[in-house]
Amino acid sequence: PAIYDQRDQIRNMWDMRMFSKVTFDMEKGELVKSEMLAEGT
């Protein structure tokens, strides 16, 4: 989150990673289903 301390640094940061798997229909131009996951330490 863009919350800064007195030194003008972001107060809390997370090491993030993400993965998603999506099925997309190109003919219809639409999403069919998706699975998404983001995790931060």
PDB file of all heavy atoms in Angstrom:
ATOM      1  N   PRO A   1       0.831  -1.204   0.000  1.00  0.00           N
ATOM      2  CA  PRO A   1       0.000   0.000   0.000  1.00  0.00           C
ATOM      3  C   PRO A   1       0.865   1.253   0.000  1.00  0.00           C
ATOM      4  O   PRO A   1       1.914   1.293   0.643  1.00  0.00           O
ATOM      5  CB  PRO A   1      -0.797  -0.125   1.308  1.00  0.00           C
ATOM      6  CG  PRO A   1      -0.773  -1.592   1.632  1.00  0.00           C
ATOM      7  CD  PRO A   1       0.550  -2.079   1.146  1.00  0.00           C
ATOM      8  N   ALA A   2       0.419   2.284  -0.699  1.00  0.00           N
ATOM      9  CA  ALA A   2       1.205   3.513  -0.838  1.00  0.00           C
ATOM     10  C   ALA A   2       1.068   4.393   0.405  1.00  0.00           C
ATOM     11  O   ALA A   2       0.575   5.519   0.354  1.00  0.00           O
ATOM     12  CB  ALA A   2       0.766   4.267  -2.085  1.00  0.00           C
ATOM     13  N   ILE A   3       1.531   3.857   1.530  1.00  0.00           N
ATOM     14  CA  ILE A   3       1.533   4.566   2.807  1.00  0.00           C
ATOM     15  C   ILE A   3       2.988   4.796   3.189  1.00  0.00           C
ATOM     16  O   ILE A   3       3.758   3.837   3.332  1.00  0.00           O
ATOM     17  CB  ILE A   3       0.816   3.751   3.902  1.00  0.00           C
ATOM     18  CG1 ILE A   3      -0.617   3.423   3.455  1.00  0.00           C
ATOM     19  CG2 ILE A   3       0.809   4.502   5.227  1.00  0.00           C
ATOM     20  CD1 ILE A   3      -1.337   2.472   4.385  1.00  0.00           C
ATOM     21  N   TYR A   4       3.372   6.051   3.366  1.00  0.00           N
ATOM     22  CA  TYR A   4       4.781   6.406   3.530  1.00  0.00           C
ATOM     23  C   TYR A   4       5.097   6.768   4.979  1.00  0.00           C
ATOM     24  O   TYR A   4       4.245   7.285   5.717  1.00  0.00           O
ATOM     25  CB  TYR A   4       5.143   7.566   2.605  1.00  0.00           C
ATOM     26  CG  TYR A   4       5.057   7.193   1.142  1.00  0.00           C
ATOM     27  CD1 TYR A   4       3.839   7.266   0.461  1.00  0.00           C
ATOM     28  CD2 TYR A   4       6.173   6.740   0.452  1.00  0.00           C
ATOM     29  CE1 TYR A   4       3.754   6.910  -0.883  1.00  0.00           C
ATOM     30  CE2 TYR A   4       6.096   6.388  -0.888  1.00  0.00           C
ATOM     31  CZ  TYR A   4       4.891   6.470  -1.550  1.00  0.00           C
ATOM     32  OH  TYR A   4       4.798   6.116  -2.869  1.00  0.00           O
ATOM     33  N   ASP A   5       6.349   6.486   5.382  1.00  0.00           N
ATOM     34  CA  ASP A   5       6.795   6.839   6.721  1.00  0.00           C
ATOM     35  C   ASP A   5       7.443   8.236   6.705  1.00  0.00           C
ATOM     36  O   ASP A   5       7.411   8.939   5.698  1.00  0.00           O
ATOM     37  CB  ASP A   5       7.759   5.780   7.279  1.00  0.00           C
ATOM     38  CG  ASP A   5       9.009   5.609   6.416  1.00  0.00           C
ATOM     39  OD1 ASP A   5       9.352   6.539   5.642  1.00  0.00           O
ATOM     40  OD2 ASP A   5       9.662   4.542   6.515  1.00  0.00           O
ATOM     41  N   GLN A   6       8.047   8.610   7.830  1.00  0.00           N
ATOM     42  CA  GLN A   6       8.630   9.945   7.945  1.00  0.00           C
ATOM     43  C   GLN A   6       9.833  10.148   7.033  1.00  0.00           C
ATOM     44  O   GLN A   6      10.226  11.281   6.748  1.00  0.00           O
ATOM     45  CB  GLN A   6       9.024  10.210   9.394  1.00  0.00           C
ATOM     46  CG  GLN A   6       7.824  10.269  10.340  1.00  0.00           C
ATOM     47  CD  GLN A   6       8.231  10.483  11.780  1.00  0.00           C
ATOM     48  OE1 GLN A   6       9.402  10.329  12.132  1.00  0.00           O
ATOM     49  NE2 GLN A   6       7.270  10.844  12.618  1.00  0.00           N
ATOM     50  N   ARG A   7      10.422   9.053   6.568  1.00  0.00           N
ATOM     51  CA  ARG A   7      11.559   9.153   5.647  1.00  0.00           C
ATOM     52  C   ARG A   7      11.109   9.112   4.193  1.00  0.00           C
ATOM     53  O   ARG A   7      11.919   8.954   3.286  1.00  0.00           O
ATOM     54  CB  ARG A   7      12.552   8.021   5.927  1.00  0.00           C
ATOM     55  CG  ARG A   7      13.185   8.074   7.315  1.00  0.00           C
ATOM     56  CD  ARG A   7      14.070   6.869   7.548  1.00  0.00           C
ATOM     57  NE  ARG A   7      13.296   5.624   7.513  1.00  0.00           N
ATOM     58  CZ  ARG A   7      13.833   4.404   7.531  1.00  0.00           C
ATOM     59  NH1 ARG A   7      15.156   4.278   7.550  1.00  0.00           N
ATOM     60  NH2 ARG A   7      13.070   3.338   7.530  1.00  0.00           N
ATOM     61  N   ASP A   8       9.790   9.213   3.994  1.00  0.00           N
ATOM     62  CA  ASP A   8       9.203   9.190   2.652  1.00  0.00           C
ATOM     63  C   ASP A   8       9.444   7.858   1.958  1.00  0.00           C
ATOM     64  O   ASP A   8       9.605   7.795   0.733  1.00  0.00           O
ATOM     65  CB  ASP A   8       9.746  10.339   1.799  1.00  0.00           C
ATOM     66  CG  ASP A   8       8.802  10.685   0.641  1.00  0.00           C
ATOM     67  OD1 ASP A   8       7.583  10.494   0.803  1.00  0.00           O
ATOM     68  OD2 ASP A   8       9.288  11.115  -0.411  1.00  0.00           O
ATOM     69  N   GLN A   9       9.475   6.788   2.749  1.00  0.00           N
ATOM     70  CA  GLN A   9       9.571   5.437   2.207  1.00  0.00           C
ATOM     71  C   GLN A   9       8.281   4.683   2.516  1.00  0.00           C
ATOM     72  O   GLN A   9       7.618   4.964   3.518  1.00  0.00           O
ATOM     73  CB  GLN A   9      10.770   4.698   2.824  1.00  0.00           C
ATOM     74  CG  GLN A   9      12.116   5.305   2.469  1.00  0.00           C
ATOM     75  CD  GLN A   9      13.266   4.564   3.113  1.00  0.00           C
ATOM     76  OE1 GLN A   9      13.088   3.799   4.055  1.00  0.00           O
ATOM     77  NE2 GLN A   9      14.463   4.787   2.611  1.00  0.00           N
ATOM     78  N   ILE A  10       7.929   3.746   1.632  1.00  0.00           N
ATOM     79  CA  ILE A  10       6.719   2.964   1.863  1.00  0.00           C
ATOM     80  C   ILE A  10       6.880   2.157   3.150  1.00  0.00           C
ATOM     81  O   ILE A  10       7.881   1.482   3.354  1.00  0.00           O
ATOM     82  CB  ILE A  10       6.434   2.046   0.671  1.00  0.00           C
ATOM     83  CG1 ILE A  10       6.172   2.895  -0.578  1.00  0.00           C
ATOM     84  CG2 ILE A  10       5.221   1.164   0.943  1.00  0.00           C
ATOM     85  CD1 ILE A  10       5.935   2.092  -1.824  1.00  0.00           C
ATOM     86  N   ARG A  11       5.899   2.257   4.029  1.00  0.00           N
ATOM     87  CA  ARG A  11       6.012   1.698   5.373  1.00  0.00           C
ATOM     88  C   ARG A  11       6.147   0.182   5.376  1.00  0.00           C
ATOM     89  O   ARG A  11       6.960  -0.381   6.100  1.00  0.00           O
ATOM     90  CB  ARG A  11       4.785   2.117   6.199  1.00  0.00           C
ATOM     91  CG  ARG A  11       4.896   1.790   7.682  1.00  0.00           C
ATOM     92  CD  ARG A  11       3.746   2.407   8.436  1.00  0.00           C
ATOM     93  NE  ARG A  11       2.469   1.793   8.100  1.00  0.00           N
ATOM     94  CZ  ARG A  11       1.300   2.173   8.608  1.00  0.00           C
ATOM     95  NH1 ARG A  11       1.253   3.199   9.435  1.00  0.00           N
ATOM     96  NH2 ARG A  11       0.176   1.572   8.275  1.00  0.00           N
ATOM     97  N   ASN A  12       5.349  -0.487   4.577  1.00  0.00           N
ATOM     98  CA  ASN A  12       5.364  -1.955   4.534  1.00  0.00           C
ATOM     99  C   ASN A  12       5.363  -2.425   3.086  1.00  0.00           C
ATOM    100  O   ASN A  12       4.577  -1.934   2.265  1.00  0.00           O
ATOM    101  CB  ASN A  12       4.154  -2.541   5.262  1.00  0.00           C
ATOM    102  CG  ASN A  12       4.210  -2.321   6.764  1.00  0.00           C
ATOM    103  OD1 ASN A  12       5.212  -2.637   7.404  1.00  0.00           O
ATOM    104  ND2 ASN A  12       3.145  -1.778   7.335  1.00  0.00           N
ATOM    105  N   MET A  13       6.248  -3.369   2.796  1.00  0.00           N
ATOM    106  CA  MET A  13       6.350  -3.935   1.451  1.00  0.00           C
ATOM    107  C   MET A  13       6.306  -5.455   1.533  1.00  0.00           C
ATOM    108  O   MET A  13       6.744  -6.054   2.524  1.00  0.00           O
ATOM    109  CB  MET A  13       7.656  -3.500   0.782  1.00  0.00           C
ATOM    110  CG  MET A  13       7.788  -2.001   0.570  1.00  0.00           C
ATOM    111  SD  MET A  13       6.709  -1.394  -0.744  1.00  0.00           S
ATOM    112  CE  MET A  13       7.628  -1.913  -2.201  1.00  0.00           C
ATOM    113  N   TRP A  14       5.790  -6.058   0.485  1.00  0.00           N
ATOM    114  CA  TRP A  14       5.694  -7.509   0.399  1.00  0.00           C
ATOM    115  C   TRP A  14       6.437  -8.007  -0.838  1.00  0.00           C
ATOM    116  O   TRP A  14       6.352  -7.387  -1.906  1.00  0.00           O
ATOM    117  CB  TRP A  14       4.228  -7.947   0.291  1.00  0.00           C
ATOM    118  CG  TRP A  14       3.471  -7.920   1.582  1.00  0.00           C
ATOM    119  CD1 TRP A  14       3.115  -8.989   2.353  1.00  0.00           C
ATOM    120  CD2 TRP A  14       2.931  -6.766   2.247  1.00  0.00           C
ATOM    121  NE1 TRP A  14       2.411  -8.574   3.455  1.00  0.00           N
ATOM    122  CE2 TRP A  14       2.287  -7.211   3.420  1.00  0.00           C
ATOM    123  CE3 TRP A  14       2.952  -5.402   1.976  1.00  0.00           C
ATOM    124  CZ2 TRP A  14       1.663  -6.343   4.312  1.00  0.00           C
ATOM    125  CZ3 TRP A  14       2.334  -4.530   2.866  1.00  0.00           C
ATOM    126  CH2 TRP A  14       1.706  -5.005   4.015  1.00  0.00           C
ATOM    127  N   ASP A  15       7.160  -9.111  -0.707  1.00  0.00           N
ATOM    128  CA  ASP A  15       7.702  -9.819  -1.855  1.00  0.00           C
ATOM    129  C   ASP A  15       6.561 -10.631  -2.452  1.00  0.00           C
ATOM    130  O   ASP A  15       6.063 -11.588  -1.837  1.00  0.00           O
ATOM    131  CB  ASP A  15       8.860 -10.738  -1.436  1.00  0.00           C
ATOM    132  CG  ASP A  15      10.101  -9.946  -1.072  1.00  0.00           C
ATOM    133  OD1 ASP A  15      10.347  -8.902  -1.686  1.00  0.00           O
ATOM    134  OD2 ASP A  15      10.831 -10.383  -0.151  1.00  0.00           O
ATOM    135  N   MET A  16       6.131 -10.244  -3.673  1.00  0.00           N
ATOM    136  CA  MET A  16       4.921 -10.786  -4.276  1.00  0.00           C
ATOM    137  C   MET A  16       5.240 -11.738  -5.420  1.00  0.00           C
ATOM    138  O   MET A  16       6.241 -11.572  -6.120  1.00  0.00           O
ATOM    139  CB  MET A  16       4.068  -9.639  -4.829  1.00  0.00           C
ATOM    140  CG  MET A  16       3.600  -8.624  -3.805  1.00  0.00           C
ATOM    141  SD  MET A  16       2.263  -9.243  -2.778  1.00  0.00           S
ATOM    142  CE  MET A  16       0.971  -9.455  -4.010  1.00  0.00           C
ATOM    143  N   ARG A  17       4.381 -12.682  -5.605  1.00  0.00           N
ATOM    144  CA  ARG A  17       4.413 -13.532  -6.794  1.00  0.00           C
ATOM    145  C   ARG A  17       2.978 -13.869  -7.167  1.00  0.00           C
ATOM    146  O   ARG A  17       2.070 -13.852  -6.317  1.00  0.00           O
ATOM    147  CB  ARG A  17       5.214 -14.813  -6.562  1.00  0.00           C
ATOM    148  CG  ARG A  17       4.755 -15.641  -5.372  1.00  0.00           C
ATOM    149  CD  ARG A  17       5.588 -16.888  -5.216  1.00  0.00           C
ATOM    150  NE  ARG A  17       5.132 -17.691  -4.079  1.00  0.00           N
ATOM    151  CZ  ARG A  17       5.397 -18.977  -3.904  1.00  0.00           C
ATOM    152  NH1 ARG A  17       6.127 -19.611  -4.827  1.00  0.00           N
ATOM    153  NH2 ARG A  17       4.962 -19.632  -2.863  1.00  0.00           N
ATOM    154  N   MET A  18       2.746 -14.136  -8.444  1.00  0.00           N
ATOM    155  CA  MET A  18       1.398 -14.442  -8.889  1.00  0.00           C
ATOM    156  C   MET A  18       1.415 -15.445 -10.022  1.00  0.00           C
ATOM    157  O   MET A  18       2.418 -15.613 -10.726  1.00  0.00           O
ATOM    158  CB  MET A  18       0.667 -13.171  -9.336  1.00  0.00           C
ATOM    159  CG  MET A  18       1.214 -12.431 -10.548  1.00  0.00           C
ATOM    160  SD  MET A  18       0.694 -13.106 -12.175  1.00  0.00           S
ATOM    161  CE  MET A  18      -1.080 -12.897 -12.093  1.00  0.00           C
ATOM    162  N   PHE A  19       0.287 -16.133 -10.167  1.00  0.00           N
ATOM    163  CA  PHE A  19       0.092 -17.058 -11.279  1.00  0.00           C
ATOM    164  C   PHE A  19      -1.381 -17.042 -11.637  1.00  0.00           C
ATOM    165  O   PHE A  19      -2.253 -16.964 -10.765  1.00  0.00           O
ATOM    166  CB  PHE A  19       0.510 -18.481 -10.915  1.00  0.00           C
ATOM    167  CG  PHE A  19       0.183 -19.489 -11.984  1.00  0.00           C
ATOM    168  CD1 PHE A  19       0.938 -19.549 -13.141  1.00  0.00           C
ATOM    169  CD2 PHE A  19      -0.900 -20.350 -11.853  1.00  0.00           C
ATOM    170  CE1 PHE A  19       0.629 -20.454 -14.146  1.00  0.00           C
ATOM    171  CE2 PHE A  19      -1.215 -21.255 -12.850  1.00  0.00           C
ATOM    172  CZ  PHE A  19      -0.448 -21.311 -14.002  1.00  0.00           C
ATOM    173  N   SER A  20      -1.669 -17.111 -12.927  1.00  0.00           N
ATOM    174  CA  SER A  20      -3.059 -17.248 -13.365  1.00  0.00           C
ATOM    175  C   SER A  20      -3.129 -18.179 -14.561  1.00  0.00           C
ATOM    176  O   SER A  20      -2.169 -18.295 -15.348  1.00  0.00           O
ATOM    177  CB  SER A  20      -3.671 -15.891 -13.715  1.00  0.00           C
ATOM    178  OG  SER A  20      -3.115 -15.361 -14.899  1.00  0.00           O
ATOM    179  N   LYS A  21      -4.259 -18.827 -14.683  1.00  0.00           N
ATOM    180  CA  LYS A  21      -4.533 -19.719 -15.806  1.00  0.00           C
ATOM    181  C   LYS A  21      -5.930 -19.393 -16.304  1.00  0.00           C
ATOM    182  O   LYS A  21      -6.908 -19.510 -15.560  1.00  0.00           O
ATOM    183  CB  LYS A  21      -4.438 -21.183 -15.371  1.00  0.00           C
ATOM    184  CG  LYS A  21      -4.559 -22.186 -16.514  1.00  0.00           C
ATOM    185  CD  LYS A  21      -4.316 -23.597 -15.993  1.00  0.00           C
ATOM    186  CE  LYS A  21      -4.350 -24.621 -17.120  1.00  0.00           C
ATOM    187  NZ  LYS A  21      -4.071 -25.996 -16.614  1.00  0.00           N
ATOM    188  N   VAL A  22      -6.016 -18.955 -17.556  1.00  0.00           N
ATOM    189  CA  VAL A  22      -7.249 -18.412 -18.109  1.00  0.00           C
ATOM    190  C   VAL A  22      -7.589 -19.128 -19.398  1.00  0.00           C
ATOM    191  O   VAL A  22      -6.700 -19.393 -20.226  1.00  0.00           O
ATOM    192  CB  VAL A  22      -7.096 -16.897 -18.372  1.00  0.00           C
ATOM    193  CG1 VAL A  22      -8.273 -16.354 -19.158  1.00  0.00           C
ATOM    194  CG2 VAL A  22      -6.913 -16.143 -17.063  1.00  0.00           C
ATOM    195  N   THR A  23      -8.863 -19.434 -19.577  1.00  0.00           N
ATOM    196  CA  THR A  23      -9.356 -19.914 -20.866  1.00  0.00           C
ATOM    197  C   THR A  23     -10.093 -18.769 -21.539  1.00  0.00           C
ATOM    198  O   THR A  23     -11.009 -18.180 -20.950  1.00  0.00           O
ATOM    199  CB  THR A  23     -10.294 -21.115 -20.698  1.00  0.00           C
ATOM    200  OG1 THR A  23      -9.592 -22.183 -20.043  1.00  0.00           O
ATOM    201  CG2 THR A  23     -10.787 -21.605 -22.050  1.00  0.00           C
ATOM    202  N   PHE A  24      -9.674 -18.453 -22.768  1.00  0.00           N
ATOM    203  CA  PHE A  24     -10.218 -17.301 -23.500  1.00  0.00           C
ATOM    204  C   PHE A  24     -10.703 -17.767 -24.863  1.00  0.00           C
ATOM    205  O   PHE A  24     -10.026 -18.530 -25.555  1.00  0.00           O
ATOM    206  CB  PHE A  24      -9.137 -16.221 -23.653  1.00  0.00           C
ATOM    207  CG  PHE A  24      -9.647 -14.926 -24.204  1.00  0.00           C
ATOM    208  CD1 PHE A  24     -10.262 -13.996 -23.379  1.00  0.00           C
ATOM    209  CD2 PHE A  24      -9.517 -14.634 -25.562  1.00  0.00           C
ATOM    210  CE1 PHE A  24     -10.729 -12.795 -23.893  1.00  0.00           C
ATOM    211  CE2 PHE A  24      -9.985 -13.433 -26.079  1.00  0.00           C
ATOM    212  CZ  PHE A  24     -10.597 -12.514 -25.243  1.00  0.00           C
ATOM    213  N   ASP A  25     -11.892 -17.314 -25.252  1.00  0.00           N
ATOM    214  CA  ASP A  25     -12.475 -17.654 -26.555  1.00  0.00           C
ATOM    215  C   ASP A  25     -12.152 -16.532 -27.533  1.00  0.00           C
ATOM    216  O   ASP A  25     -12.671 -15.418 -27.421  1.00  0.00           O
ATOM    217  CB  ASP A  25     -13.987 -17.831 -26.431  1.00  0.00           C
ATOM    218  CG  ASP A  25     -14.615 -18.433 -27.682  1.00  0.00           C
ATOM    219  OD1 ASP A  25     -14.228 -18.020 -28.795  1.00  0.00           O
ATOM    220  OD2 ASP A  25     -15.492 -19.301 -27.550  1.00  0.00           O
ATOM    221  N   MET A  26     -11.251 -16.793 -28.494  1.00  0.00           N
ATOM    222  CA  MET A  26     -10.820 -15.763 -29.429  1.00  0.00           C
ATOM    223  C   MET A  26     -11.918 -15.383 -30.420  1.00  0.00           C
ATOM    224  O   MET A  26     -12.021 -14.233 -30.835  1.00  0.00           O
ATOM    225  CB  MET A  26      -9.575 -16.227 -30.187  1.00  0.00           C
ATOM    226  CG  MET A  26      -8.347 -16.420 -29.312  1.00  0.00           C
ATOM    227  SD  MET A  26      -6.850 -16.773 -30.283  1.00  0.00           S
ATOM    228  CE  MET A  26      -7.304 -18.373 -31.008  1.00  0.00           C
ATOM    229  N   GLU A  27     -12.738 -16.343 -30.814  1.00  0.00           N
ATOM    230  CA  GLU A  27     -13.801 -16.046 -31.776  1.00  0.00           C
ATOM    231  C   GLU A  27     -14.838 -15.103 -31.168  1.00  0.00           C
ATOM    232  O   GLU A  27     -15.267 -14.130 -31.800  1.00  0.00           O
ATOM    233  CB  GLU A  27     -14.473 -17.338 -32.233  1.00  0.00           C
ATOM    234  CG  GLU A  27     -15.588 -17.126 -33.247  1.00  0.00           C
ATOM    235  CD  GLU A  27     -16.217 -18.429 -33.704  1.00  0.00           C
ATOM    236  OE1 GLU A  27     -15.643 -19.502 -33.451  1.00  0.00           O
ATOM    237  OE2 GLU A  27     -17.299 -18.358 -34.311  1.00  0.00           O
ATOM    238  N   LYS A  28     -15.229 -15.366 -29.927  1.00  0.00           N
ATOM    239  CA  LYS A  28     -16.220 -14.527 -29.264  1.00  0.00           C
ATOM    240  C   LYS A  28     -15.590 -13.325 -28.565  1.00  0.00           C
ATOM    241  O   LYS A  28     -16.300 -12.389 -28.190  1.00  0.00           O
ATOM    242  CB  LYS A  28     -17.016 -15.358 -28.261  1.00  0.00           C
ATOM    243  CG  LYS A  28     -17.832 -16.472 -28.900  1.00  0.00           C
ATOM    244  CD  LYS A  28     -18.600 -17.251 -27.833  1.00  0.00           C
ATOM    245  CE  LYS A  28     -19.438 -18.357 -28.461  1.00  0.00           C
ATOM    246  NZ  LYS A  28     -20.165 -19.138 -27.424  1.00  0.00           N
ATOM    247  N   GLY A  29     -14.279 -13.383 -28.376  1.00  0.00           N
ATOM    248  CA  GLY A  29     -13.599 -12.299 -27.682  1.00  0.00           C
ATOM    249  C   GLY A  29     -14.015 -12.177 -26.236  1.00  0.00           C
ATOM    250  O   GLY A  29     -14.312 -11.076 -25.762  1.00  0.00           O
ATOM    251  N   GLU A  30     -14.031 -13.300 -25.514  1.00  0.00           N
ATOM    252  CA  GLU A  30     -14.526 -13.268 -24.142  1.00  0.00           C
ATOM    253  C   GLU A  30     -13.821 -14.292 -23.261  1.00  0.00           C
ATOM    254  O   GLU A  30     -13.279 -15.293 -23.731  1.00  0.00           O
ATOM    255  CB  GLU A  30     -16.029 -13.528 -24.108  1.00  0.00           C
ATOM    256  CG  GLU A  30     -16.423 -14.925 -24.581  1.00  0.00           C
ATOM    257  CD  GLU A  30     -17.933 -15.147 -24.587  1.00  0.00           C
ATOM    258  OE1 GLU A  30     -18.673 -14.148 -24.513  1.00  0.00           O
ATOM    259  OE2 GLU A  30     -18.359 -16.308 -24.692  1.00  0.00           O
ATOM    260  N   LEU A  31     -13.849 -14.023 -21.977  1.00  0.00           N
ATOM    261  CA  LEU A  31     -13.320 -14.919 -20.957  1.00  0.00           C
ATOM    262  C   LEU A  31     -14.283 -16.083 -20.750  1.00  0.00           C
ATOM    263  O   LEU A  31     -15.500 -15.887 -20.675  1.00  0.00           O
ATOM    264  CB  LEU A  31     -13.143 -14.143 -19.649  1.00  0.00           C
ATOM    265  CG  LEU A  31     -12.794 -14.935 -18.393  1.00  0.00           C
ATOM    266  CD1 LEU A  31     -11.394 -15.506 -18.492  1.00  0.00           C
ATOM    267  CD2 LEU A  31     -12.913 -14.046 -17.154  1.00  0.00           C
ATOM    268  N   VAL A  32     -13.737 -17.285 -20.632  1.00  0.00           N
ATOM    269  CA  VAL A  32     -14.533 -18.465 -20.340  1.00  0.00           C
ATOM    270  C   VAL A  32     -14.404 -18.829 -18.862  1.00  0.00           C
ATOM    271  O   VAL A  32     -15.399 -19.031 -18.160  1.00  0.00           O
ATOM    272  CB  VAL A  32     -14.125 -19.655 -21.224  1.00  0.00           C
ATOM    273  CG1 VAL A  32     -14.917 -20.913 -20.861  1.00  0.00           C
ATOM    274  CG2 VAL A  32     -14.298 -19.305 -22.697  1.00  0.00           C
ATOM    275  N   LYS A  33     -13.172 -18.898 -18.383  1.00  0.00           N
ATOM    276  CA  LYS A  33     -12.944 -19.156 -16.959  1.00  0.00           C
ATOM    277  C   LYS A  33     -11.527 -18.723 -16.603  1.00  0.00           C
ATOM    278  O   LYS A  33     -10.662 -18.586 -17.480  1.00  0.00           O
ATOM    279  CB  LYS A  33     -13.139 -20.632 -16.608  1.00  0.00           C
ATOM    280  CG  LYS A  33     -12.164 -21.584 -17.285  1.00  0.00           C
ATOM    281  CD  LYS A  33     -12.432 -23.025 -16.850  1.00  0.00           C
ATOM    282  CE  LYS A  33     -11.467 -24.004 -17.529  1.00  0.00           C
ATOM    283  NZ  LYS A  33     -11.713 -25.402 -17.097  1.00  0.00           N
ATOM    284  N   SER A  34     -11.302 -18.495 -15.321  1.00  0.00           N
ATOM    285  CA  SER A  34      -9.962 -18.117 -14.885  1.00  0.00           C
ATOM    286  C   SER A  34      -9.721 -18.560 -13.454  1.00  0.00           C
ATOM    287  O   SER A  34     -10.649 -18.681 -12.653  1.00  0.00           O
ATOM    288  CB  SER A  34      -9.760 -16.596 -15.006  1.00  0.00           C
ATOM    289  OG  SER A  34     -10.490 -15.902 -14.013  1.00  0.00           O
ATOM    290  N   GLU A  35      -8.455 -18.820 -13.161  1.00  0.00           N
ATOM    291  CA  GLU A  35      -7.976 -19.092 -11.809  1.00  0.00           C
ATOM    292  C   GLU A  35      -6.777 -18.184 -11.587  1.00  0.00           C
ATOM    293  O   GLU A  35      -5.832 -18.198 -12.383  1.00  0.00           O
ATOM    294  CB  GLU A  35      -7.547 -20.547 -11.646  1.00  0.00           C
ATOM    295  CG  GLU A  35      -8.637 -21.565 -11.878  1.00  0.00           C
ATOM    296  CD  GLU A  35      -8.066 -22.979 -11.841  1.00  0.00           C
ATOM    297  OE1 GLU A  35      -7.534 -23.398 -12.893  1.00  0.00           O
ATOM    298  OE2 GLU A  35      -8.132 -23.630 -10.796  1.00  0.00           O
ATOM    299  N   MET A  36      -6.823 -17.405 -10.520  1.00  0.00           N
ATOM    300  CA  MET A  36      -5.742 -16.469 -10.246  1.00  0.00           C
ATOM    301  C   MET A  36      -5.328 -16.560  -8.782  1.00  0.00           C
ATOM    302  O   MET A  36      -6.166 -16.755  -7.896  1.00  0.00           O
ATOM    303  CB  MET A  36      -6.164 -15.034 -10.554  1.00  0.00           C
ATOM    304  CG  MET A  36      -6.509 -14.785 -12.005  1.00  0.00           C
ATOM    305  SD  MET A  36      -6.829 -13.028 -12.334  1.00  0.00           S
ATOM    306  CE  MET A  36      -7.145 -13.087 -14.100  1.00  0.00           C
ATOM    307  N   LEU A  37      -4.041 -16.405  -8.558  1.00  0.00           N
ATOM    308  CA  LEU A  37      -3.508 -16.444  -7.204  1.00  0.00           C
ATOM    309  C   LEU A  37      -2.346 -15.469  -7.091  1.00  0.00           C
ATOM    310  O   LEU A  37      -1.442 -15.453  -7.927  1.00  0.00           O
ATOM    311  CB  LEU A  37      -3.003 -17.850  -6.865  1.00  0.00           C
ATOM    312  CG  LEU A  37      -2.257 -18.010  -5.538  1.00  0.00           C
ATOM    313  CD1 LEU A  37      -3.155 -17.723  -4.353  1.00  0.00           C
ATOM    314  CD2 LEU A  37      -1.654 -19.404  -5.430  1.00  0.00           C
ATOM    315  N   ALA A  38      -2.386 -14.624  -6.074  1.00  0.00           N
ATOM    316  CA  ALA A  38      -1.262 -13.748  -5.734  1.00  0.00           C
ATOM    317  C   ALA A  38      -0.947 -13.949  -4.256  1.00  0.00           C
ATOM    318  O   ALA A  38      -1.855 -14.054  -3.431  1.00  0.00           O
ATOM    319  CB  ALA A  38      -1.593 -12.290  -6.014  1.00  0.00           C
ATOM    320  N   GLU A  39       0.343 -13.998  -3.932  1.00  0.00           N
ATOM    321  CA  GLU A  39       0.754 -14.206  -2.553  1.00  0.00           C
ATOM    322  C   GLU A  39       1.960 -13.327  -2.257  1.00  0.00           C
ATOM    323  O   GLU A  39       2.860 -13.178  -3.092  1.00  0.00           O
ATOM    324  CB  GLU A  39       1.108 -15.673  -2.307  1.00  0.00           C
ATOM    325  CG  GLU A  39       1.446 -15.976  -0.853  1.00  0.00           C
ATOM    326  CD  GLU A  39       1.670 -17.470  -0.624  1.00  0.00           C
ATOM    327  OE1 GLU A  39       2.324 -18.102  -1.475  1.00  0.00           O
ATOM    328  OE2 GLU A  39       1.188 -17.995   0.378  1.00  0.00           O
ATOM    329  N   GLY A  40       1.965 -12.713  -1.082  1.00  0.00           N
ATOM    330  CA  GLY A  40       3.054 -11.834  -0.698  1.00  0.00           C
ATOM    331  C   GLY A  40       3.558 -12.123   0.699  1.00  0.00           C
ATOM    332  O   GLY A  40       2.773 -12.384   1.613  1.00  0.00           O
ATOM    333  N   THR A  41       4.883 -12.065   0.875  1.00  0.00           N
ATOM    334  CA  THR A  41       5.526 -12.243   2.176  1.00  0.00           C
ATOM    335  C   THR A  41       6.137 -10.916   2.598  1.00  0.00           C
ATOM    336  O   THR A  41       6.856 -10.282   1.812  1.00  0.00           O
ATOM    337  CB  THR A  41       6.616 -13.322   2.101  1.00  0.00           C
ATOM    338  OG1 THR A  41       6.028 -14.544   1.625  1.00  0.00           O
ATOM    339  CG2 THR A  41       7.240 -13.560   3.468  1.00  0.00           C
TER     340      THR A  41
END
